[in-house]
PDB file of all heavy atoms in Angstrom:
ATOM      1  N   LEU A   1      -4.934 -11.042   4.170  1.00  0.00           N
ATOM      2  CA  LEU A   1      -3.673 -10.335   4.178  1.00  0.00           C
ATOM      3  C   LEU A   1      -2.953 -10.530   2.854  1.00  0.00           C
ATOM      4  O   LEU A   1      -2.774 -11.652   2.392  1.00  0.00           O
ATOM      5  CB  LEU A   1      -2.788 -10.855   5.321  1.00  0.00           C
ATOM      6  CG  LEU A   1      -1.435 -10.169   5.516  1.00  0.00           C
ATOM      7  CD1 LEU A   1      -1.649  -8.749   5.982  1.00  0.00           C
ATOM      8  CD2 LEU A   1      -0.598 -10.934   6.518  1.00  0.00           C
ATOM      9  N   THR A   2      -2.528  -9.460   2.240  1.00  0.00           N
ATOM     10  CA  THR A   2      -1.837  -9.539   0.965  1.00  0.00           C
ATOM     11  C   THR A   2      -0.371  -9.215   1.169  1.00  0.00           C
ATOM     12  O   THR A   2      -0.026  -8.124   1.588  1.00  0.00           O
ATOM     13  CB  THR A   2      -2.440  -8.548  -0.042  1.00  0.00           C
ATOM     14  OG1 THR A   2      -3.821  -8.848  -0.200  1.00  0.00           O
ATOM     15  CG2 THR A   2      -1.737  -8.637  -1.370  1.00  0.00           C
ATOM     16  N   ILE A   3       0.502 -10.175   0.887  1.00  0.00           N
ATOM     17  CA  ILE A   3       1.937  -9.955   0.933  1.00  0.00           C
ATOM     18  C   ILE A   3       2.491 -10.376  -0.421  1.00  0.00           C
ATOM     19  O   ILE A   3       2.457 -11.547  -0.766  1.00  0.00           O
ATOM     20  CB  ILE A   3       2.606 -10.746   2.055  1.00  0.00           C
ATOM     21  CG1 ILE A   3       2.008 -10.329   3.415  1.00  0.00           C
ATOM     22  CG2 ILE A   3       4.110 -10.548   2.044  1.00  0.00           C
ATOM     23  CD1 ILE A   3       2.525 -11.140   4.567  1.00  0.00           C
ATOM     24  N   VAL A   4       2.977  -9.427  -1.196  1.00  0.00           N
ATOM     25  CA  VAL A   4       3.434  -9.714  -2.540  1.00  0.00           C
ATOM     26  C   VAL A   4       4.938  -9.912  -2.526  1.00  0.00           C
ATOM     27  O   VAL A   4       5.663  -9.201  -1.857  1.00  0.00           O
ATOM     28  CB  VAL A   4       3.063  -8.549  -3.482  1.00  0.00           C
ATOM     29  CG1 VAL A   4       3.652  -8.754  -4.856  1.00  0.00           C
ATOM     30  CG2 VAL A   4       1.546  -8.446  -3.567  1.00  0.00           C
ATOM     31  N   GLY A   5       5.427 -10.875  -3.269  1.00  0.00           N
ATOM     32  CA  GLY A   5       6.855 -11.063  -3.421  1.00  0.00           C
ATOM     33  C   GLY A   5       7.307 -12.450  -3.049  1.00  0.00           C
ATOM     34  O   GLY A   5       8.375 -12.888  -3.420  1.00  0.00           O
ATOM     35  N   THR A   6       6.515 -13.199  -2.276  1.00  0.00           N
ATOM     36  CA  THR A   6       6.965 -14.491  -1.797  1.00  0.00           C
ATOM     37  C   THR A   6       6.923 -15.554  -2.872  1.00  0.00           C
ATOM     38  O   THR A   6       7.416 -16.653  -2.663  1.00  0.00           O
ATOM     39  CB  THR A   6       6.107 -14.939  -0.609  1.00  0.00           C
ATOM     40  OG1 THR A   6       4.732 -14.894  -0.993  1.00  0.00           O
ATOM     41  CG2 THR A   6       6.313 -14.039   0.574  1.00  0.00           C
ATOM     42  N   GLY A   7       6.345 -15.243  -4.050  1.00  0.00           N
ATOM     43  CA  GLY A   7       6.309 -16.234  -5.109  1.00  0.00           C
ATOM     44  C   GLY A   7       7.558 -16.236  -5.980  1.00  0.00           C
ATOM     45  O   GLY A   7       7.701 -17.073  -6.849  1.00  0.00           O
ATOM     46  N   LEU A   8       8.478 -15.290  -5.754  1.00  0.00           N
ATOM     47  CA  LEU A   8       9.681 -15.234  -6.557  1.00  0.00           C
ATOM     48  C   LEU A   8      10.654 -16.316  -6.113  1.00  0.00           C
ATOM     49  O   LEU A   8      10.606 -16.785  -4.977  1.00  0.00           O
ATOM     50  CB  LEU A   8      10.329 -13.851  -6.419  1.00  0.00           C
ATOM     51  CG  LEU A   8       9.484 -12.698  -6.974  1.00  0.00           C
ATOM     52  CD1 LEU A   8      10.092 -11.375  -6.585  1.00  0.00           C
ATOM     53  CD2 LEU A   8       9.370 -12.791  -8.481  1.00  0.00           C
ATOM     54  N   PRO A   9      11.583 -16.727  -6.980  1.00  0.00           N
ATOM     55  CA  PRO A   9      12.453 -17.857  -6.656  1.00  0.00           C
ATOM     56  C   PRO A   9      13.475 -17.532  -5.587  1.00  0.00           C
ATOM     57  O   PRO A   9      13.898 -16.394  -5.433  1.00  0.00           O
ATOM     58  CB  PRO A   9      13.145 -18.146  -7.993  1.00  0.00           C
ATOM     59  CG  PRO A   9      13.119 -16.852  -8.726  1.00  0.00           C
ATOM     60  CD  PRO A   9      11.834 -16.204  -8.332  1.00  0.00           C
ATOM     61  N   GLY A  10      13.886 -18.556  -4.821  1.00  0.00           N
ATOM     62  CA  GLY A  10      14.983 -18.422  -3.886  1.00  0.00           C
ATOM     63  C   GLY A  10      14.612 -17.803  -2.568  1.00  0.00           C
ATOM     64  O   GLY A  10      15.309 -16.954  -2.029  1.00  0.00           O
ATOM     65  N   VAL A  11      13.467 -18.173  -1.981  1.00  0.00           N
ATOM     66  CA  VAL A  11      13.011 -17.601  -0.717  1.00  0.00           C
ATOM     67  C   VAL A  11      14.109 -17.756   0.326  1.00  0.00           C
ATOM     68  O   VAL A  11      14.661 -18.834   0.503  1.00  0.00           O
ATOM     69  CB  VAL A  11      11.720 -18.295  -0.241  1.00  0.00           C
ATOM     70  CG1 VAL A  11      11.308 -17.791   1.132  1.00  0.00           C
ATOM     71  CG2 VAL A  11      10.601 -18.045  -1.234  1.00  0.00           C
ATOM     72  N   PRO A  12      14.495 -16.653   1.049  1.00  0.00           N
ATOM     73  CA  PRO A  12      15.627 -16.712   1.936  1.00  0.00           C
ATOM     74  C   PRO A  12      15.517 -17.727   3.064  1.00  0.00           C
ATOM     75  O   PRO A  12      16.507 -18.274   3.497  1.00  0.00           O
ATOM     76  CB  PRO A  12      15.683 -15.293   2.523  1.00  0.00           C
ATOM     77  CG  PRO A  12      15.042 -14.439   1.507  1.00  0.00           C
ATOM     78  CD  PRO A  12      13.976 -15.296   0.899  1.00  0.00           C
ATOM     79  N   SER A  13      14.341 -17.990   3.586  1.00  0.00           N
ATOM     80  CA  SER A  13      14.234 -18.896   4.713  1.00  0.00           C
ATOM     81  C   SER A  13      12.818 -19.413   4.782  1.00  0.00           C
ATOM     82  O   SER A  13      11.968 -19.036   4.000  1.00  0.00           O
ATOM     83  CB  SER A  13      14.627 -18.162   6.007  1.00  0.00           C
ATOM     84  OG  SER A  13      14.748 -19.061   7.071  1.00  0.00           O
ATOM     85  N   ARG A  14      12.551 -20.308   5.737  1.00  0.00           N
ATOM     86  CA  ARG A  14      11.212 -20.864   5.797  1.00  0.00           C
ATOM     87  C   ARG A  14      10.211 -19.788   6.190  1.00  0.00           C
ATOM     88  O   ARG A  14      10.567 -18.765   6.759  1.00  0.00           O
ATOM     89  CB  ARG A  14      11.177 -22.038   6.768  1.00  0.00           C
ATOM     90  CG  ARG A  14      11.421 -21.691   8.225  1.00  0.00           C
ATOM     91  CD  ARG A  14      11.333 -22.964   9.061  1.00  0.00           C
ATOM     92  NE  ARG A  14      11.396 -22.672  10.477  1.00  0.00           N
ATOM     93  CZ  ARG A  14      12.513 -22.634  11.178  1.00  0.00           C
ATOM     94  NH1 ARG A  14      13.664 -22.863  10.578  1.00  0.00           N
ATOM     95  NH2 ARG A  14      12.486 -22.356  12.469  1.00  0.00           N
ATOM     96  N   ALA A  15       8.925 -20.042   5.910  1.00  0.00           N
ATOM     97  CA  ALA A  15       7.912 -18.994   5.966  1.00  0.00           C
ATOM     98  C   ALA A  15       7.792 -18.352   7.338  1.00  0.00           C
ATOM     99  O   ALA A  15       7.498 -17.172   7.451  1.00  0.00           O
ATOM    100  CB  ALA A  15       6.560 -19.567   5.535  1.00  0.00           C
ATOM    101  N   ASP A  16       8.017 -19.109   8.416  1.00  0.00           N
ATOM    102  CA  ASP A  16       7.817 -18.573   9.752  1.00  0.00           C
ATOM    103  C   ASP A  16       8.994 -17.756  10.251  1.00  0.00           C
ATOM    104  O   ASP A  16       8.894 -17.073  11.257  1.00  0.00           O
ATOM    105  CB  ASP A  16       7.519 -19.707  10.742  1.00  0.00           C
ATOM    106  CG  ASP A  16       6.159 -20.332  10.490  1.00  0.00           C
ATOM    107  OD1 ASP A  16       5.302 -19.661   9.910  1.00  0.00           O
ATOM    108  OD2 ASP A  16       5.971 -21.494  10.886  1.00  0.00           O
ATOM    109  N   ASP A  17      10.139 -17.872   9.611  1.00  0.00           N
ATOM    110  CA  ASP A  17      11.268 -17.027   9.972  1.00  0.00           C
ATOM    111  C   ASP A  17      11.053 -15.619   9.421  1.00  0.00           C
ATOM    112  O   ASP A  17      10.189 -15.384   8.578  1.00  0.00           O
ATOM    113  CB  ASP A  17      12.570 -17.603   9.403  1.00  0.00           C
ATOM    114  CG  ASP A  17      13.103 -18.774  10.219  1.00  0.00           C
ATOM    115  OD1 ASP A  17      12.590 -19.021  11.320  1.00  0.00           O
ATOM    116  OD2 ASP A  17      14.031 -19.443   9.732  1.00  0.00           O
ATOM    117  N   GLN A  18      11.839 -14.686   9.924  1.00  0.00           N
ATOM    118  CA  GLN A  18      11.876 -13.335   9.368  1.00  0.00           C
ATOM    119  C   GLN A  18      13.346 -13.003   9.141  1.00  0.00           C
ATOM    120  O   GLN A  18      14.019 -12.453  10.000  1.00  0.00           O
ATOM    121  CB  GLN A  18      11.221 -12.328  10.307  1.00  0.00           C
ATOM    122  CG  GLN A  18      11.174 -10.915   9.775  1.00  0.00           C
ATOM    123  CD  GLN A  18      10.479 -10.813   8.441  1.00  0.00           C
ATOM    124  OE1 GLN A  18       9.336 -11.225   8.291  1.00  0.00           O
ATOM    125  NE2 GLN A  18      11.159 -10.267   7.440  1.00  0.00           N
ATOM    126  N   ALA A  19      13.833 -13.384   7.958  1.00  0.00           N
ATOM    127  CA  ALA A  19      15.270 -13.452   7.723  1.00  0.00           C
ATOM    128  C   ALA A  19      15.846 -12.232   7.030  1.00  0.00           C
ATOM    129  O   ALA A  19      17.025 -12.225   6.690  1.00  0.00           O
ATOM    130  CB  ALA A  19      15.602 -14.707   6.904  1.00  0.00           C
ATOM    131  N   GLN A  20      15.039 -11.196   6.809  1.00  0.00           N
ATOM    132  CA  GLN A  20      15.557  -9.978   6.189  1.00  0.00           C
ATOM    133  C   GLN A  20      14.691  -8.809   6.618  1.00  0.00           C
ATOM    134  O   GLN A  20      13.703  -8.965   7.327  1.00  0.00           O
ATOM    135  CB  GLN A  20      15.563 -10.101   4.672  1.00  0.00           C
ATOM    136  CG  GLN A  20      14.174 -10.145   4.044  1.00  0.00           C
ATOM    137  CD  GLN A  20      14.207  -9.981   2.530  1.00  0.00           C
ATOM    138  OE1 GLN A  20      15.101 -10.457   1.861  1.00  0.00           O
ATOM    139  NE2 GLN A  20      13.218  -9.288   1.988  1.00  0.00           N
ATOM    140  N   TRP A  21      15.088  -7.610   6.200  1.00  0.00           N
ATOM    141  CA  TRP A  21      14.323  -6.394   6.461  1.00  0.00           C
ATOM    142  C   TRP A  21      13.045  -6.422   5.632  1.00  0.00           C
ATOM    143  O   TRP A  21      13.081  -6.362   4.413  1.00  0.00           O
ATOM    144  CB  TRP A  21      15.166  -5.183   6.099  1.00  0.00           C
ATOM    145  CG  TRP A  21      14.463  -3.866   6.187  1.00  0.00           C
ATOM    146  CD1 TRP A  21      14.067  -3.080   5.153  1.00  0.00           C
ATOM    147  CD2 TRP A  21      14.083  -3.168   7.378  1.00  0.00           C
ATOM    148  NE1 TRP A  21      13.467  -1.946   5.604  1.00  0.00           N
ATOM    149  CE2 TRP A  21      13.455  -1.973   6.980  1.00  0.00           C
ATOM    150  CE3 TRP A  21      14.192  -3.450   8.737  1.00  0.00           C
ATOM    151  CZ2 TRP A  21      12.952  -1.054   7.893  1.00  0.00           C
ATOM    152  CZ3 TRP A  21      13.701  -2.538   9.642  1.00  0.00           C
ATOM    153  CH2 TRP A  21      13.091  -1.355   9.227  1.00  0.00           C
ATOM    154  N   GLY A  22      11.891  -6.581   6.291  1.00  0.00           N
ATOM    155  CA  GLY A  22      10.626  -6.706   5.582  1.00  0.00           C
ATOM    156  C   GLY A  22      10.472  -8.078   4.966  1.00  0.00           C
ATOM    157  O   GLY A  22      11.345  -8.934   5.039  1.00  0.00           O
ATOM    158  N   ARG A  23       9.326  -8.300   4.356  1.00  0.00           N
ATOM    159  CA  ARG A  23       9.057  -9.601   3.756  1.00  0.00           C
ATOM    160  C   ARG A  23       9.852  -9.775   2.459  1.00  0.00           C
ATOM    161  O   ARG A  23      10.207  -8.821   1.793  1.00  0.00           O
ATOM    162  CB  ARG A  23       7.557  -9.759   3.459  1.00  0.00           C
ATOM    163  CG  ARG A  23       6.675  -9.651   4.684  1.00  0.00           C
ATOM    164  CD  ARG A  23       6.984 -10.687   5.747  1.00  0.00           C
ATOM    165  NE  ARG A  23       6.703 -12.049   5.309  1.00  0.00           N
ATOM    166  CZ  ARG A  23       6.873 -13.121   6.087  1.00  0.00           C
ATOM    167  NH1 ARG A  23       7.349 -12.988   7.300  1.00  0.00           N
ATOM    168  NH2 ARG A  23       6.583 -14.313   5.632  1.00  0.00           N
ATOM    169  N   ALA A  24      10.117 -11.029   2.132  1.00  0.00           N
ATOM    170  CA  ALA A  24      10.836 -11.321   0.892  1.00  0.00           C
ATOM    171  C   ALA A  24       9.833 -11.325  -0.271  1.00  0.00           C
ATOM    172  O   ALA A  24       8.845 -12.042  -0.212  1.00  0.00           O
ATOM    173  CB  ALA A  24      11.508 -12.696   0.992  1.00  0.00           C
ATOM    174  N   TRP A  25      10.056 -10.577  -1.323  1.00  0.00           N
ATOM    175  CA  TRP A  25      11.074  -9.551  -1.437  1.00  0.00           C
ATOM    176  C   TRP A  25      10.418  -8.188  -1.505  1.00  0.00           C
ATOM    177  O   TRP A  25      11.026  -7.186  -1.833  1.00  0.00           O
ATOM    178  CB  TRP A  25      11.871  -9.773  -2.723  1.00  0.00           C
ATOM    179  CG  TRP A  25      12.879 -10.854  -2.636  1.00  0.00           C
ATOM    180  CD1 TRP A  25      14.207 -10.689  -2.377  1.00  0.00           C
ATOM    181  CD2 TRP A  25      12.681 -12.232  -2.798  1.00  0.00           C
ATOM    182  NE1 TRP A  25      14.838 -11.896  -2.365  1.00  0.00           N
ATOM    183  CE2 TRP A  25      13.914 -12.863  -2.631  1.00  0.00           C
ATOM    184  CE3 TRP A  25      11.561 -13.032  -3.034  1.00  0.00           C
ATOM    185  CZ2 TRP A  25      14.077 -14.234  -2.703  1.00  0.00           C
ATOM    186  CZ3 TRP A  25      11.721 -14.391  -3.117  1.00  0.00           C
ATOM    187  CH2 TRP A  25      12.963 -14.970  -2.955  1.00  0.00           C
ATOM    188  N   SER A  26       9.174  -8.159  -1.209  1.00  0.00           N
ATOM    189  CA  SER A  26       8.399  -6.930  -1.330  1.00  0.00           C
ATOM    190  C   SER A  26       8.806  -5.885  -0.320  1.00  0.00           C
ATOM    191  O   SER A  26       8.499  -4.717  -0.473  1.00  0.00           O
ATOM    192  CB  SER A  26       6.909  -7.238  -1.145  1.00  0.00           C
ATOM    193  OG  SER A  26       6.664  -7.644   0.191  1.00  0.00           O
TER     194      SER A  26
END
């Protein structure tokens, strides 16, 4: 599974949460 964007700084919440619309920040 490829999810791009999670390597950028300041991740909104821990990985198992879903804290925004779509994945952070892709």
